[in-house]
Amino acid sequence: MTQHNPTGANNRRGPFRPGERVQITDERGRITTITLQEDGQYHSHRGFLNHNDLIGHDEGTVIENSEGLLFQALRPLYKDFVLSMPRGAAVVYPKDAGQIVTMADIYPGARVIEAGVGSGALSIGLLRAIGDEGHLRSFERREEFADIARGNVETMFGGPHPAWEITLGDLAETLGEVEEPGSVDRAVLDMLAPWECLDAVATALAPGGVIICYVATVTQLSRTAEALRADGRFTEPESHETMVRGWHVEGLAVRPDHRMVAHTGFLITARRLADGAVRLAPKRRASKTEFSEEDMNAWTPAALGERNVTDRKLRRAARDAQNLAQHAARASEHINTSN
């Protein structure tokens, strides 16, 4: 029986290779991510570490630097990679990416659309869920963000992913041109105004398909929910947020950590009804559903405190992402050569 290795799986196995990203941790728990290079060195104020001492060794290796300090070396996990990779836009935190994959029921072989792609953090999670046999089409308005995301995805998987396609442009305007009506299984919207895309998404989604929106503010959450209800082609929306609190556990000293990853965004989900079906609306008290001018202005980028990303920063992030992707491709070549 021939075993099929999904894209990127071999990059996660075996000894360390040149071009790989490796996470080294010192005895105080301080973490640094480096890219292995033949005859390369990692320098700090407390000595240097030779890359050759890691290349060819297994994960979990503990090595000594020039000053006798010990470091353990491991490949970065998904949660580590997305928080340290080059970025132009804010990334979807791992806690939210995990909820999106679960709550939207992203399964192997699914046809998924995503908008926008940002720095590619969520795209990586979606691609790992749908596998090589699925299809992810990511919409992005800005070419610079698409370049950064492409570099980060190729770094994670060691090269281009066969199930991924980026479409430059606005989802509301271009979705109907690239996807047939009723051909999409899942829709993931990480954008400022998801309600503007509901008509296009409802047309593309198959009956029973899931839409999940990631929004930052209560005003966005409310307007998205009311837009889903008003559209009439979706089930009653469900909303939630996820907070993660770590715990300090050392002997009998067991307590919550002083810091936690609290609010990062809201998730709102609904499912596509069959054509002609009428949404079952739960009975509830009448409440305000119309948005005033003040409400409308509350979700603008300026009101949300978003800072414009400079072109210089975008170019640097794109260059860094592409360089890391080239290193990852060389690491994949080592795998193919050894096989």
C-alpha atoms as a PDB file:
ATOM      1  CA  MET A   1       0.000   0.000   0.000  1.00  0.00           C
ATOM      2  CA  THR A   2       1.443   3.345  -1.071  1.00  0.00           C
ATOM      3  CA  GLN A   3       1.375   5.921   1.699  1.00  0.00           C
ATOM      4  CA  HIS A   4       0.512   9.479   0.689  1.00  0.00           C
ATOM      5  CA  ASN A   5       2.214  12.213   2.671  1.00  0.00           C
ATOM      6  CA  PRO A   6       0.158  15.421   2.738  1.00  0.00           C
ATOM      7  CA  THR A   7       1.876  18.624   1.668  1.00  0.00           C
ATOM      8  CA  GLY A   8       4.291  19.785   4.349  1.00  0.00           C
ATOM      9  CA  ALA A   9       4.122  16.603   6.445  1.00  0.00           C
ATOM     10  CA  ASN A  10       7.702  15.552   5.703  1.00  0.00           C
ATOM     11  CA  ASN A  11       8.917  18.991   6.771  1.00  0.00           C
ATOM     12  CA  ARG A  12       7.632  18.263  10.269  1.00  0.00           C
ATOM     13  CA  ARG A  13       9.536  14.976  10.630  1.00  0.00           C
ATOM     14  CA  GLY A  14      13.103  13.756  10.815  1.00  0.00           C
ATOM     15  CA  PRO A  15      16.346  15.486  11.791  1.00  0.00           C
ATOM     16  CA  PHE A  16      16.916  19.217  11.439  1.00  0.00           C
ATOM     17  CA  ARG A  17      17.882  20.384   7.939  1.00  0.00           C
ATOM     18  CA  PRO A  18      19.454  23.574   6.541  1.00  0.00           C
ATOM     19  CA  GLY A  19      16.792  26.176   5.767  1.00  0.00           C
ATOM     20  CA  GLU A  20      14.444  25.097   8.566  1.00  0.00           C
ATOM     21  CA  ARG A  21      13.001  27.401  11.203  1.00  0.00           C
ATOM     22  CA  VAL A  22      13.994  26.139  14.655  1.00  0.00           C
ATOM     23  CA  GLN A  23      12.926  27.356  18.077  1.00  0.00           C
ATOM     24  CA  ILE A  24      15.679  27.377  20.691  1.00  0.00           C
ATOM     25  CA  THR A  25      14.884  27.835  24.385  1.00  0.00           C
ATOM     26  CA  ASP A  26      17.430  28.689  27.077  1.00  0.00           C
ATOM     27  CA  GLU A  27      17.414  27.579  30.710  1.00  0.00           C
ATOM     28  CA  ARG A  28      15.337  30.615  31.710  1.00  0.00           C
ATOM     29  CA  GLY A  29      12.613  29.770  29.206  1.00  0.00           C
ATOM     30  CA  ARG A  30      13.481  32.547  26.751  1.00  0.00           C
ATOM     31  CA  ILE A  31      12.581  31.516  23.210  1.00  0.00           C
ATOM     32  CA  THR A  32      14.301  32.551  19.977  1.00  0.00           C
ATOM     33  CA  THR A  33      13.452  31.389  16.453  1.00  0.00           C
ATOM     34  CA  ILE A  34      16.340  30.975  14.003  1.00  0.00           C
ATOM     35  CA  THR A  35      16.744  29.756  10.419  1.00  0.00           C
ATOM     36  CA  LEU A  36      19.372  27.024  10.177  1.00  0.00           C
ATOM     37  CA  GLN A  37      22.219  27.578   7.733  1.00  0.00           C
ATOM     38  CA  GLU A  38      25.287  25.462   7.111  1.00  0.00           C
ATOM     39  CA  ASP A  39      28.230  26.959   9.055  1.00  0.00           C
ATOM     40  CA  GLY A  40      25.861  29.599  10.472  1.00  0.00           C
ATOM     41  CA  GLN A  41      25.926  30.892  14.040  1.00  0.00           C
ATOM     42  CA  TYR A  42      23.423  32.345  16.494  1.00  0.00           C
ATOM     43  CA  HIS A  43      24.976  35.082  18.641  1.00  0.00           C
ATOM     44  CA  SER A  44      23.712  36.563  21.889  1.00  0.00           C
ATOM     45  CA  HIS A  45      25.285  38.609  24.686  1.00  0.00           C
ATOM     46  CA  ARG A  46      26.082  35.284  26.371  1.00  0.00           C
ATOM     47  CA  GLY A  47      27.997  33.468  23.666  1.00  0.00           C
ATOM     48  CA  PHE A  48      27.251  31.865  20.318  1.00  0.00           C
ATOM     49  CA  LEU A  49      25.728  28.621  19.082  1.00  0.00           C
ATOM     50  CA  ASN A  50      26.811  26.796  15.917  1.00  0.00           C
ATOM     51  CA  HIS A  51      24.015  25.814  13.526  1.00  0.00           C
ATOM     52  CA  ASN A  52      26.022  22.737  12.525  1.00  0.00           C
ATOM     53  CA  ASP A  53      25.534  21.419  16.072  1.00  0.00           C
ATOM     54  CA  LEU A  54      21.806  21.178  15.283  1.00  0.00           C
ATOM     55  CA  ILE A  55      21.757  20.184  11.602  1.00  0.00           C
ATOM     56  CA  GLY A  56      21.323  16.426  11.313  1.00  0.00           C
ATOM     57  CA  HIS A  57      20.114  16.019  14.911  1.00  0.00           C
ATOM     58  CA  ASP A  58      16.606  15.139  16.087  1.00  0.00           C
ATOM     59  CA  GLU A  59      14.040  17.491  17.575  1.00  0.00           C
ATOM     60  CA  GLY A  60      14.338  17.879  21.317  1.00  0.00           C
ATOM     61  CA  THR A  61      18.130  17.975  21.155  1.00  0.00           C
ATOM     62  CA  VAL A  62      19.821  19.912  23.975  1.00  0.00           C
ATOM     63  CA  ILE A  63      23.104  21.569  23.001  1.00  0.00           C
ATOM     64  CA  GLU A  64      25.684  23.772  24.680  1.00  0.00           C
ATOM     65  CA  ASN A  65      26.823  27.148  23.373  1.00  0.00           C
ATOM     66  CA  SER A  66      30.311  28.665  23.541  1.00  0.00           C
ATOM     67  CA  GLU A  67      29.779  29.833  27.141  1.00  0.00           C
ATOM     68  CA  GLY A  68      28.449  26.505  28.394  1.00  0.00           C
ATOM     69  CA  LEU A  69      24.770  27.560  28.418  1.00  0.00           C
ATOM     70  CA  LEU A  70      22.234  24.893  27.467  1.00  0.00           C
ATOM     71  CA  PHE A  71      19.559  25.285  24.785  1.00  0.00           C
ATOM     72  CA  GLN A  72      16.816  22.903  23.695  1.00  0.00           C
ATOM     73  CA  ALA A  73      15.788  22.912  20.036  1.00  0.00           C
ATOM     74  CA  LEU A  74      12.349  22.131  18.605  1.00  0.00           C
ATOM     75  CA  ARG A  75      10.439  22.954  15.441  1.00  0.00           C
ATOM     76  CA  PRO A  76       7.918  25.769  16.024  1.00  0.00           C
ATOM     77  CA  LEU A  77       4.320  24.640  16.416  1.00  0.00           C
ATOM     78  CA  TYR A  78       1.563  26.335  14.442  1.00  0.00           C
ATOM     79  CA  LYS A  79       0.795  28.614  17.397  1.00  0.00           C
ATOM     80  CA  ASP A  80       4.447  29.643  17.610  1.00  0.00           C
ATOM     81  CA  PHE A  81       4.923  30.152  13.881  1.00  0.00           C
ATOM     82  CA  VAL A  82       1.967  32.481  13.283  1.00  0.00           C
ATOM     83  CA  LEU A  83       2.974  34.790  16.138  1.00  0.00           C
ATOM     84  CA  SER A  84       6.586  35.108  14.942  1.00  0.00           C
ATOM     85  CA  MET A  85       6.181  35.174  11.148  1.00  0.00           C
ATOM     86  CA  PRO A  86       6.494  38.383   9.070  1.00  0.00           C
ATOM     87  CA  ARG A  87       3.216  40.267   8.974  1.00  0.00           C
ATOM     88  CA  GLY A  88       1.627  43.233   7.287  1.00  0.00           C
ATOM     89  CA  ALA A  89      -1.804  42.921   8.898  1.00  0.00           C
ATOM     90  CA  ALA A  90      -2.795  41.686  12.340  1.00  0.00           C
ATOM     91  CA  VAL A  91      -2.997  37.896  12.496  1.00  0.00           C
ATOM     92  CA  VAL A  92      -5.893  35.760  13.684  1.00  0.00           C
ATOM     93  CA  TYR A  93      -4.729  34.398  17.036  1.00  0.00           C
ATOM     94  CA  PRO A  94      -4.343  30.613  17.328  1.00  0.00           C
ATOM     95  CA  LYS A  95      -7.168  30.453  19.886  1.00  0.00           C
ATOM     96  CA  ASP A  96      -9.548  31.990  17.343  1.00  0.00           C
ATOM     97  CA  ALA A  97      -8.182  30.017  14.383  1.00  0.00           C
ATOM     98  CA  GLY A  98      -8.843  26.787  16.284  1.00  0.00           C
ATOM     99  CA  GLN A  99     -12.409  27.883  17.027  1.00  0.00           C
ATOM    100  CA  ILE A 100     -12.980  28.843  13.388  1.00  0.00           C
ATOM    101  CA  VAL A 101     -11.843  25.429  12.129  1.00  0.00           C
ATOM    102  CA  THR A 102     -14.082  23.704  14.694  1.00  0.00           C
ATOM    103  CA  MET A 103     -17.176  25.920  14.700  1.00  0.00           C
ATOM    104  CA  ALA A 104     -17.247  26.199  10.899  1.00  0.00           C
ATOM    105  CA  ASP A 105     -16.710  22.427  10.605  1.00  0.00           C
ATOM    106  CA  ILE A 106     -13.769  22.737   8.192  1.00  0.00           C
ATOM    107  CA  TYR A 107     -13.210  19.159   7.024  1.00  0.00           C
ATOM    108  CA  PRO A 108     -10.792  17.324   4.672  1.00  0.00           C
ATOM    109  CA  GLY A 109     -11.759  17.916   1.051  1.00  0.00           C
ATOM    110  CA  ALA A 110     -13.987  20.937   1.757  1.00  0.00           C
ATOM    111  CA  ARG A 111     -14.281  23.835  -0.688  1.00  0.00           C
ATOM    112  CA  VAL A 112     -13.688  26.991   1.363  1.00  0.00           C
ATOM    113  CA  ILE A 113     -13.581  30.699   0.583  1.00  0.00           C
ATOM    114  CA  GLU A 114     -11.747  33.179   2.801  1.00  0.00           C
ATOM    115  CA  ALA A 115     -11.631  36.993   2.872  1.00  0.00           C
ATOM    116  CA  GLY A 116      -9.254  38.669   3.559  1.00  0.00           C
ATOM    117  CA  VAL A 117      -6.022  36.784   3.668  1.00  0.00           C
ATOM    118  CA  GLY A 118      -4.063  39.241   5.859  1.00  0.00           C
ATOM    119  CA  SER A 119      -0.676  37.700   6.678  1.00  0.00           C
ATOM    120  CA  GLY A 120      -1.788  34.112   6.025  1.00  0.00           C
ATOM    121  CA  ALA A 121      -2.138  32.859   9.616  1.00  0.00           C
ATOM    122  CA  LEU A 122      -5.718  31.653   9.205  1.00  0.00           C
ATOM    123  CA  SER A 123      -5.013  30.400   5.671  1.00  0.00           C
ATOM    124  CA  ILE A 124      -2.423  28.005   7.110  1.00  0.00           C
ATOM    125  CA  GLY A 125      -4.928  26.631   9.629  1.00  0.00           C
ATOM    126  CA  LEU A 126      -7.604  26.198   6.958  1.00  0.00           C
ATOM    127  CA  LEU A 127      -5.211  24.463   4.544  1.00  0.00           C
ATOM    128  CA  ARG A 128      -4.117  22.012   7.227  1.00  0.00           C
ATOM    129  CA  ALA A 129      -7.789  21.185   7.850  1.00  0.00           C
ATOM    130  CA  ILE A 130      -8.938  20.718   4.229  1.00  0.00           C
ATOM    131  CA  GLY A 131      -5.807  18.850   3.091  1.00  0.00           C
ATOM    132  CA  ASP A 132      -4.511  18.412  -0.449  1.00  0.00           C
ATOM    133  CA  GLU A 133      -7.888  17.265  -1.799  1.00  0.00           C
ATOM    134  CA  GLY A 134      -9.798  20.358  -0.661  1.00  0.00           C
ATOM    135  CA  HIS A 135      -9.761  23.844  -2.128  1.00  0.00           C
ATOM    136  CA  LEU A 136      -9.220  27.185  -0.399  1.00  0.00           C
ATOM    137  CA  ARG A 137      -9.763  30.383  -2.352  1.00  0.00           C
ATOM    138  CA  SER A 138      -8.530  33.428  -0.443  1.00  0.00           C
ATOM    139  CA  PHE A 139      -9.646  36.901  -1.499  1.00  0.00           C
ATOM    140  CA  GLU A 140      -7.378  39.857  -0.789  1.00  0.00           C
ATOM    141  CA  ARG A 141      -7.704  43.446  -1.962  1.00  0.00           C
ATOM    142  CA  ARG A 142      -4.054  44.407  -1.448  1.00  0.00           C
ATOM    143  CA  GLU A 143      -1.320  42.701  -3.430  1.00  0.00           C
ATOM    144  CA  GLU A 144       1.269  43.455  -0.717  1.00  0.00           C
ATOM    145  CA  PHE A 145      -0.703  41.451   1.847  1.00  0.00           C
ATOM    146  CA  ALA A 146      -1.103  38.615  -0.655  1.00  0.00           C
ATOM    147  CA  ASP A 147       2.685  38.498  -1.176  1.00  0.00           C
ATOM    148  CA  ILE A 148       3.320  38.342   2.578  1.00  0.00           C
ATOM    149  CA  ALA A 149       0.703  35.616   3.061  1.00  0.00           C
ATOM    150  CA  ARG A 150       2.071  33.590   0.146  1.00  0.00           C
ATOM    151  CA  GLY A 151       5.573  33.678   1.618  1.00  0.00           C
ATOM    152  CA  ASN A 152       4.352  32.634   5.076  1.00  0.00           C
ATOM    153  CA  VAL A 153       2.248  29.766   3.729  1.00  0.00           C
ATOM    154  CA  GLU A 154       5.136  28.470   1.614  1.00  0.00           C
ATOM    155  CA  THR A 155       7.446  28.692   4.629  1.00  0.00           C
ATOM    156  CA  MET A 156       5.073  26.579   6.713  1.00  0.00           C
ATOM    157  CA  PHE A 157       4.493  23.935   4.022  1.00  0.00           C
ATOM    158  CA  GLY A 158       7.931  24.001   2.392  1.00  0.00           C
ATOM    159  CA  GLY A 159       6.527  25.269  -0.916  1.00  0.00           C
ATOM    160  CA  PRO A 160       3.228  26.145  -2.643  1.00  0.00           C
ATOM    161  CA  HIS A 161       0.153  24.314  -1.359  1.00  0.00           C
ATOM    162  CA  PRO A 162      -1.818  22.533  -4.124  1.00  0.00           C
ATOM    163  CA  ALA A 163      -5.193  23.350  -2.538  1.00  0.00           C
ATOM    164  CA  TRP A 164      -4.644  27.113  -2.229  1.00  0.00           C
ATOM    165  CA  GLU A 165      -5.512  29.889  -4.633  1.00  0.00           C
ATOM    166  CA  ILE A 166      -5.357  33.644  -4.018  1.00  0.00           C
ATOM    167  CA  THR A 167      -7.725  35.953  -5.884  1.00  0.00           C
ATOM    168  CA  LEU A 168      -6.878  39.651  -5.867  1.00  0.00           C
ATOM    169  CA  GLY A 169      -9.960  41.827  -5.575  1.00  0.00           C
ATOM    170  CA  ASP A 170     -13.108  42.415  -3.560  1.00  0.00           C
ATOM    171  CA  LEU A 171     -15.009  39.238  -2.657  1.00  0.00           C
ATOM    172  CA  ALA A 172     -18.410  40.859  -3.182  1.00  0.00           C
ATOM    173  CA  GLU A 173     -17.463  41.813  -6.738  1.00  0.00           C
ATOM    174  CA  THR A 174     -15.416  38.798  -7.876  1.00  0.00           C
ATOM    175  CA  LEU A 175     -16.806  35.745  -6.051  1.00  0.00           C
ATOM    176  CA  GLY A 176     -19.525  35.159  -8.642  1.00  0.00           C
ATOM    177  CA  GLU A 177     -16.914  35.222 -11.416  1.00  0.00           C
ATOM    178  CA  VAL A 178     -14.737  32.448  -9.963  1.00  0.00           C
ATOM    179  CA  GLU A 179     -17.161  30.163  -8.073  1.00  0.00           C
ATOM    180  CA  GLU A 180     -20.379  28.579  -9.333  1.00  0.00           C
ATOM    181  CA  PRO A 181     -23.598  29.118  -7.327  1.00  0.00           C
ATOM    182  CA  GLY A 182     -23.997  26.484  -4.625  1.00  0.00           C
ATOM    183  CA  SER A 183     -20.436  25.157  -5.062  1.00  0.00           C
ATOM    184  CA  VAL A 184     -18.854  26.375  -1.799  1.00  0.00           C
ATOM    185  CA  ASP A 185     -19.030  24.422   1.466  1.00  0.00           C
ATOM    186  CA  ARG A 186     -17.702  26.982   3.942  1.00  0.00           C
ATOM    187  CA  ALA A 187     -17.141  30.761   3.980  1.00  0.00           C
ATOM    188  CA  VAL A 188     -14.761  32.483   6.408  1.00  0.00           C
ATOM    189  CA  LEU A 189     -14.921  36.289   6.516  1.00  0.00           C
ATOM    190  CA  ASP A 190     -12.244  38.194   8.438  1.00  0.00           C
ATOM    191  CA  MET A 191     -12.986  41.732   7.337  1.00  0.00           C
ATOM    192  CA  LEU A 192     -14.230  45.123   8.472  1.00  0.00           C
ATOM    193  CA  ALA A 193     -17.732  44.937   6.957  1.00  0.00           C
ATOM    194  CA  PRO A 194     -18.768  41.306   6.325  1.00  0.00           C
ATOM    195  CA  TRP A 195     -22.411  42.321   5.805  1.00  0.00           C
ATOM    196  CA  GLU A 196     -21.408  43.819   2.451  1.00  0.00           C
ATOM    197  CA  CYS A 197     -20.557  40.318   1.161  1.00  0.00           C
ATOM    198  CA  LEU A 198     -23.578  38.352   2.402  1.00  0.00           C
ATOM    199  CA  ASP A 199     -25.461  38.334  -0.898  1.00  0.00           C
ATOM    200  CA  ALA A 200     -22.464  36.996  -2.836  1.00  0.00           C
ATOM    201  CA  VAL A 201     -21.662  34.434  -0.125  1.00  0.00           C
ATOM    202  CA  ALA A 202     -25.275  33.218   0.118  1.00  0.00           C
ATOM    203  CA  THR A 203     -25.308  32.650  -3.644  1.00  0.00           C
ATOM    204  CA  ALA A 204     -22.034  30.690  -3.606  1.00  0.00           C
ATOM    205  CA  LEU A 205     -22.781  28.551  -0.519  1.00  0.00           C
ATOM    206  CA  ALA A 206     -24.365  25.130  -0.903  1.00  0.00           C
ATOM    207  CA  PRO A 207     -27.480  24.395   1.208  1.00  0.00           C
ATOM    208  CA  GLY A 208     -26.292  23.562   4.716  1.00  0.00           C
ATOM    209  CA  GLY A 209     -23.020  25.413   4.152  1.00  0.00           C
ATOM    210  CA  VAL A 210     -21.527  27.432   7.002  1.00  0.00           C
ATOM    211  CA  ILE A 211     -20.585  31.098   7.120  1.00  0.00           C
ATOM    212  CA  ILE A 212     -18.384  32.301   9.971  1.00  0.00           C
ATOM    213  CA  CYS A 213     -17.389  35.942  10.458  1.00  0.00           C
ATOM    214  CA  TYR A 214     -14.569  37.271  12.631  1.00  0.00           C
ATOM    215  CA  VAL A 215     -15.169  40.848  13.816  1.00  0.00           C
ATOM    216  CA  ALA A 216     -13.500  43.021  16.433  1.00  0.00           C
ATOM    217  CA  THR A 217     -16.226  45.202  17.948  1.00  0.00           C
ATOM    218  CA  VAL A 218     -19.718  44.864  19.395  1.00  0.00           C
ATOM    219  CA  THR A 219     -21.074  47.242  16.756  1.00  0.00           C
ATOM    220  CA  GLN A 220     -19.720  45.066  13.943  1.00  0.00           C
ATOM    221  CA  LEU A 221     -21.092  41.971  15.655  1.00  0.00           C
ATOM    222  CA  SER A 222     -24.571  43.478  15.977  1.00  0.00           C
ATOM    223  CA  ARG A 223     -24.726  44.706  12.408  1.00  0.00           C
ATOM    224  CA  THR A 224     -23.499  41.378  11.015  1.00  0.00           C
ATOM    225  CA  ALA A 225     -26.123  39.467  13.007  1.00  0.00           C
ATOM    226  CA  GLU A 226     -28.947  41.737  11.848  1.00  0.00           C
ATOM    227  CA  ALA A 227     -27.752  41.539   8.242  1.00  0.00           C
ATOM    228  CA  LEU A 228     -27.766  37.723   8.395  1.00  0.00           C
ATOM    229  CA  ARG A 229     -31.325  37.790   9.740  1.00  0.00           C
ATOM    230  CA  ALA A 230     -32.487  40.333   7.177  1.00  0.00           C
ATOM    231  CA  ASP A 231     -31.012  38.339   4.273  1.00  0.00           C
ATOM    232  CA  GLY A 232     -33.427  35.480   4.957  1.00  0.00           C
ATOM    233  CA  ARG A 233     -31.243  32.722   3.493  1.00  0.00           C
ATOM    234  CA  PHE A 234     -29.433  31.844   6.731  1.00  0.00           C
ATOM    235  CA  THR A 235     -30.341  30.172  10.006  1.00  0.00           C
ATOM    236  CA  GLU A 236     -30.463  32.170  13.240  1.00  0.00           C
ATOM    237  CA  PRO A 237     -26.866  33.372  13.839  1.00  0.00           C
ATOM    238  CA  GLU A 238     -24.867  32.317  16.894  1.00  0.00           C
ATOM    239  CA  SER A 239     -22.179  34.519  18.443  1.00  0.00           C
ATOM    240  CA  HIS A 240     -19.359  33.922  20.906  1.00  0.00           C
ATOM    241  CA  GLU A 241     -15.830  34.898  21.895  1.00  0.00           C
ATOM    242  CA  THR A 242     -12.961  32.837  23.283  1.00  0.00           C
ATOM    243  CA  MET A 243     -10.688  33.716  26.188  1.00  0.00           C
ATOM    244  CA  VAL A 244      -7.657  31.651  27.146  1.00  0.00           C
ATOM    245  CA  ARG A 245      -6.114  31.777  30.615  1.00  0.00           C
ATOM    246  CA  GLY A 246      -2.995  29.824  31.455  1.00  0.00           C
ATOM    247  CA  TRP A 247      -2.243  28.320  34.856  1.00  0.00           C
ATOM    248  CA  HIS A 248       0.921  28.245  36.929  1.00  0.00           C
ATOM    249  CA  VAL A 249       1.410  24.695  38.217  1.00  0.00           C
ATOM    250  CA  GLU A 250       4.459  23.985  40.371  1.00  0.00           C
ATOM    251  CA  GLY A 251       4.063  21.529  43.219  1.00  0.00           C
ATOM    252  CA  LEU A 252       1.300  22.798  45.490  1.00  0.00           C
ATOM    253  CA  ALA A 253       1.572  26.312  44.047  1.00  0.00           C
ATOM    254  CA  VAL A 254      -1.343  26.143  41.614  1.00  0.00           C
ATOM    255  CA  ARG A 255      -2.951  29.399  40.503  1.00  0.00           C
ATOM    256  CA  PRO A 256      -4.113  31.245  37.387  1.00  0.00           C
ATOM    257  CA  ASP A 257      -1.495  33.172  35.451  1.00  0.00           C
ATOM    258  CA  HIS A 258      -1.481  36.909  36.044  1.00  0.00           C
ATOM    259  CA  ARG A 259      -1.930  37.557  32.327  1.00  0.00           C
ATOM    260  CA  MET A 260      -4.276  36.013  29.777  1.00  0.00           C
ATOM    261  CA  VAL A 261      -5.236  36.240  26.119  1.00  0.00           C
ATOM    262  CA  ALA A 262      -8.676  37.787  26.501  1.00  0.00           C
ATOM    263  CA  HIS A 263     -10.752  39.560  23.857  1.00  0.00           C
ATOM    264  CA  THR A 264      -9.314  39.504  20.351  1.00  0.00           C
ATOM    265  CA  GLY A 265     -12.533  39.265  18.360  1.00  0.00           C
ATOM    266  CA  PHE A 266     -16.057  37.871  18.092  1.00  0.00           C
ATOM    267  CA  LEU A 267     -17.101  34.890  15.980  1.00  0.00           C
ATOM    268  CA  ILE A 268     -20.588  34.720  14.483  1.00  0.00           C
ATOM    269  CA  THR A 269     -21.836  31.682  12.566  1.00  0.00           C
ATOM    270  CA  ALA A 270     -24.909  30.743  10.542  1.00  0.00           C
ATOM    271  CA  ARG A 271     -25.866  28.080   7.993  1.00  0.00           C
ATOM    272  CA  ARG A 272     -27.277  28.381   4.490  1.00  0.00           C
ATOM    273  CA  LEU A 273     -30.924  27.392   4.152  1.00  0.00           C
ATOM    274  CA  ALA A 274     -32.293  25.507   1.167  1.00  0.00           C
ATOM    275  CA  ASP A 275     -33.600  27.739  -1.613  1.00  0.00           C
ATOM    276  CA  GLY A 276     -37.159  28.782  -0.829  1.00  0.00           C
ATOM    277  CA  ALA A 277     -36.977  27.787   2.848  1.00  0.00           C
ATOM    278  CA  VAL A 278     -38.160  30.274   5.471  1.00  0.00           C
ATOM    279  CA  ARG A 279     -35.911  31.001   8.445  1.00  0.00           C
ATOM    280  CA  LEU A 280     -37.273  29.929  11.818  1.00  0.00           C
ATOM    281  CA  ALA A 281     -36.947  33.074  13.901  1.00  0.00           C
ATOM    282  CA  PRO A 282     -37.090  32.677  17.701  1.00  0.00           C
ATOM    283  CA  LYS A 283     -39.587  34.892  19.493  1.00  0.00           C
ATOM    284  CA  ARG A 284     -37.912  37.729  21.348  1.00  0.00           C
ATOM    285  CA  ARG A 285     -38.520  41.224  22.591  1.00  0.00           C
ATOM    286  CA  ALA A 286     -38.462  43.951  19.996  1.00  0.00           C
ATOM    287  CA  SER A 287     -35.192  45.876  20.017  1.00  0.00           C
ATOM    288  CA  LYS A 288     -33.478  48.518  17.969  1.00  0.00           C
ATOM    289  CA  THR A 289     -32.233  47.115  14.651  1.00  0.00           C
ATOM    290  CA  GLU A 290     -31.705  50.292  12.631  1.00  0.00           C
ATOM    291  CA  PHE A 291     -28.247  51.860  12.711  1.00  0.00           C
ATOM    292  CA  SER A 292     -27.788  55.604  13.157  1.00  0.00           C
ATOM    293  CA  GLU A 293     -25.003  57.651  11.595  1.00  0.00           C
ATOM    294  CA  GLU A 294     -23.147  57.440  14.911  1.00  0.00           C
ATOM    295  CA  ASP A 295     -23.448  53.652  14.855  1.00  0.00           C
ATOM    296  CA  MET A 296     -22.172  53.518  11.284  1.00  0.00           C
ATOM    297  CA  ASN A 297     -19.105  55.603  12.137  1.00  0.00           C
ATOM    298  CA  ALA A 298     -18.238  53.440  15.143  1.00  0.00           C
ATOM    299  CA  TRP A 299     -16.676  50.687  13.004  1.00  0.00           C
ATOM    300  CA  THR A 300     -14.506  52.811  10.706  1.00  0.00           C
ATOM    301  CA  PRO A 301     -10.740  52.105  10.849  1.00  0.00           C
ATOM    302  CA  ALA A 302     -10.113  55.443  12.568  1.00  0.00           C
ATOM    303  CA  ALA A 303     -12.744  54.765  15.235  1.00  0.00           C
ATOM    304  CA  LEU A 304     -11.300  51.306  15.859  1.00  0.00           C
ATOM    305  CA  GLY A 305      -7.867  52.804  16.414  1.00  0.00           C
ATOM    306  CA  GLU A 306      -6.314  50.995  13.471  1.00  0.00           C
ATOM    307  CA  ARG A 307      -3.004  52.397  12.318  1.00  0.00           C
ATOM    308  CA  ASN A 308      -2.181  52.452   8.649  1.00  0.00           C
ATOM    309  CA  VAL A 309       0.612  50.058   7.742  1.00  0.00           C
ATOM    310  CA  THR A 310       3.329  51.957   5.899  1.00  0.00           C
ATOM    311  CA  ASP A 311       4.418  50.832   2.442  1.00  0.00           C
ATOM    312  CA  ARG A 312       7.957  50.485   3.760  1.00  0.00           C
ATOM    313  CA  LYS A 313       6.853  48.055   6.461  1.00  0.00           C
ATOM    314  CA  LEU A 314       4.821  46.047   3.947  1.00  0.00           C
ATOM    315  CA  ARG A 315       7.773  45.776   1.570  1.00  0.00           C
ATOM    316  CA  ARG A 316      10.036  44.638   4.399  1.00  0.00           C
ATOM    317  CA  ALA A 317       7.511  42.061   5.632  1.00  0.00           C
ATOM    318  CA  ALA A 318       7.003  40.742   2.082  1.00  0.00           C
ATOM    319  CA  ARG A 319      10.769  40.495   1.573  1.00  0.00           C
ATOM    320  CA  ASP A 320      11.240  38.665   4.893  1.00  0.00           C
ATOM    321  CA  ALA A 321       8.371  36.262   4.134  1.00  0.00           C
ATOM    322  CA  GLN A 322       9.752  35.455   0.678  1.00  0.00           C
ATOM    323  CA  ASN A 323      13.271  34.901   2.065  1.00  0.00           C
ATOM    324  CA  LEU A 324      11.938  32.484   4.678  1.00  0.00           C
ATOM    325  CA  ALA A 325       9.941  30.676   1.977  1.00  0.00           C
ATOM    326  CA  GLN A 326      13.132  30.231  -0.062  1.00  0.00           C
ATOM    327  CA  HIS A 327      14.930  28.770   2.968  1.00  0.00           C
ATOM    328  CA  ALA A 328      11.991  26.397   3.561  1.00  0.00           C
ATOM    329  CA  ALA A 329      12.100  25.322  -0.090  1.00  0.00           C
ATOM    330  CA  ARG A 330      15.788  24.468   0.281  1.00  0.00           C
ATOM    331  CA  ALA A 331      14.971  22.400   3.371  1.00  0.00           C
ATOM    332  CA  SER A 332      12.374  20.514   1.300  1.00  0.00           C
ATOM    333  CA  GLU A 333      15.004  19.873  -1.369  1.00  0.00           C
ATOM    334  CA  HIS A 334      17.159  18.180   1.286  1.00  0.00           C
ATOM    335  CA  ILE A 335      14.221  15.861   2.036  1.00  0.00           C
ATOM    336  CA  ASN A 336      13.734  14.976  -1.630  1.00  0.00           C
ATOM    337  CA  THR A 337      17.468  14.398  -2.098  1.00  0.00           C
ATOM    338  CA  SER A 338      17.696  12.103   0.935  1.00  0.00           C
ATOM    339  CA  ASN A 339      14.677  10.114  -0.285  1.00  0.00           C
END
